[in-house]
Amino acid sequence: MKPEQAIEHFGSKAQLALVLGASLPTIYDWVKAGEIPEARQYQIELATGGALKADKPALRVPLQEAA
């Protein structure tokens, strides 16, 4: 996902930072780089209930198989 997608979803850079427990300068760094680190993408995917998806799908093993 691109930083602009996450910002649009949460309404502002400040709100995105707040939800993620990140600093505002971190969000500005992502915008400047044009990308969100992979681990943060997964955090955003969880925070949005899947409305935004990480670029690389996480390994999702059904609970039955994980046991």
C-alpha atoms as a PDB file:
ATOM      1  CA  MET A   1       0.000   0.000   0.000  1.00  0.00           C
ATOM      2  CA  LYS A   2       1.075   3.547  -0.556  1.00  0.00           C
ATOM      3  CA  PRO A   3       1.297   6.135   2.240  1.00  0.00           C
ATOM      4  CA  GLU A   4      -1.388   8.233   0.572  1.00  0.00           C
ATOM      5  CA  GLN A   5      -3.878   5.352   0.820  1.00  0.00           C
ATOM      6  CA  ALA A   6      -3.333   4.989   4.565  1.00  0.00           C
ATOM      7  CA  ILE A   7      -3.503   8.747   5.124  1.00  0.00           C
ATOM      8  CA  GLU A   8      -6.738   8.977   3.156  1.00  0.00           C
ATOM      9  CA  HIS A   9      -8.236   6.070   5.099  1.00  0.00           C
ATOM     10  CA  PHE A  10      -7.455   7.608   8.492  1.00  0.00           C
ATOM     11  CA  GLY A  11      -8.166  11.176   7.419  1.00  0.00           C
ATOM     12  CA  SER A  12      -4.797  12.768   8.146  1.00  0.00           C
ATOM     13  CA  LYS A  13      -1.128  12.091   8.713  1.00  0.00           C
ATOM     14  CA  ALA A  14      -1.580  12.924  12.392  1.00  0.00           C
ATOM     15  CA  GLN A  15      -4.416  10.411  12.817  1.00  0.00           C
ATOM     16  CA  LEU A  16      -2.414   7.698  11.044  1.00  0.00           C
ATOM     17  CA  ALA A  17       0.519   8.339  13.367  1.00  0.00           C
ATOM     18  CA  LEU A  18      -1.763   8.236  16.400  1.00  0.00           C
ATOM     19  CA  VAL A  19      -3.386   4.934  15.418  1.00  0.00           C
ATOM     20  CA  LEU A  20      -0.007   3.313  14.787  1.00  0.00           C
ATOM     21  CA  GLY A  21       1.766   4.797  17.783  1.00  0.00           C
ATOM     22  CA  ALA A  22       4.264   6.346  15.378  1.00  0.00           C
ATOM     23  CA  SER A  23       5.684   9.842  15.240  1.00  0.00           C
ATOM     24  CA  LEU A  24       4.473  12.362  12.689  1.00  0.00           C
ATOM     25  CA  PRO A  25       8.004  12.702  11.236  1.00  0.00           C
ATOM     26  CA  THR A  26       7.908   8.944  10.575  1.00  0.00           C
ATOM     27  CA  ILE A  27       4.756   9.374   8.488  1.00  0.00           C
ATOM     28  CA  TYR A  28       6.380  12.238   6.580  1.00  0.00           C
ATOM     29  CA  ASP A  29       9.384   9.979   5.904  1.00  0.00           C
ATOM     30  CA  TRP A  30       7.068   7.348   4.411  1.00  0.00           C
ATOM     31  CA  VAL A  31       5.426   9.946   2.180  1.00  0.00           C
ATOM     32  CA  LYS A  32       8.833  11.187   1.036  1.00  0.00           C
ATOM     33  CA  ALA A  33      10.008   7.619   0.325  1.00  0.00           C
ATOM     34  CA  GLY A  34       6.703   6.719  -1.340  1.00  0.00           C
ATOM     35  CA  GLU A  35       6.390   3.511   0.670  1.00  0.00           C
ATOM     36  CA  ILE A  36       5.439   2.114   4.060  1.00  0.00           C
ATOM     37  CA  PRO A  37       7.691  -0.468   5.719  1.00  0.00           C
ATOM     38  CA  GLU A  38       6.346  -4.002   5.412  1.00  0.00           C
ATOM     39  CA  ALA A  39       5.788  -4.535   9.144  1.00  0.00           C
ATOM     40  CA  ARG A  40       3.833  -1.289   9.369  1.00  0.00           C
ATOM     41  CA  GLN A  41       1.725  -2.328   6.374  1.00  0.00           C
ATOM     42  CA  TYR A  42       0.619  -5.412   8.291  1.00  0.00           C
ATOM     43  CA  GLN A  43      -0.175  -3.225  11.303  1.00  0.00           C
ATOM     44  CA  ILE A  44      -2.291  -0.967   9.092  1.00  0.00           C
ATOM     45  CA  GLU A  45      -4.031  -3.984   7.567  1.00  0.00           C
ATOM     46  CA  LEU A  46      -5.039  -5.130  11.060  1.00  0.00           C
ATOM     47  CA  ALA A  47      -6.012  -1.608  12.158  1.00  0.00           C
ATOM     48  CA  THR A  48      -8.297  -1.212   9.140  1.00  0.00           C
ATOM     49  CA  GLY A  49      -9.879  -4.631   9.497  1.00  0.00           C
ATOM     50  CA  GLY A  50      -8.504  -5.549   6.099  1.00  0.00           C
ATOM     51  CA  ALA A  51      -9.805  -2.493   4.261  1.00  0.00           C
ATOM     52  CA  LEU A  52      -6.192  -1.780   3.310  1.00  0.00           C
ATOM     53  CA  LYS A  53      -3.966  -4.732   2.445  1.00  0.00           C
ATOM     54  CA  ALA A  54      -0.223  -5.139   2.822  1.00  0.00           C
ATOM     55  CA  ASP A  55       1.618  -5.422  -0.502  1.00  0.00           C
ATOM     56  CA  LYS A  56       2.964  -8.868   0.376  1.00  0.00           C
ATOM     57  CA  PRO A  57       0.369 -11.191   1.863  1.00  0.00           C
ATOM     58  CA  ALA A  58       1.322 -12.512   5.291  1.00  0.00           C
ATOM     59  CA  LEU A  59       1.532 -16.244   5.796  1.00  0.00           C
ATOM     60  CA  ARG A  60      -1.926 -17.027   7.076  1.00  0.00           C
ATOM     61  CA  VAL A  61      -2.192 -20.553   8.425  1.00  0.00           C
ATOM     62  CA  PRO A  62      -5.628 -21.661   9.642  1.00  0.00           C
ATOM     63  CA  LEU A  63      -5.635 -22.330  13.388  1.00  0.00           C
ATOM     64  CA  GLN A  64      -6.382 -26.028  12.848  1.00  0.00           C
ATOM     65  CA  GLU A  65      -3.249 -26.497  10.783  1.00  0.00           C
ATOM     66  CA  ALA A  66      -1.061 -24.470  13.141  1.00  0.00           C
ATOM     67  CA  ALA A  67      -1.698 -26.850  16.057  1.00  0.00           C
END
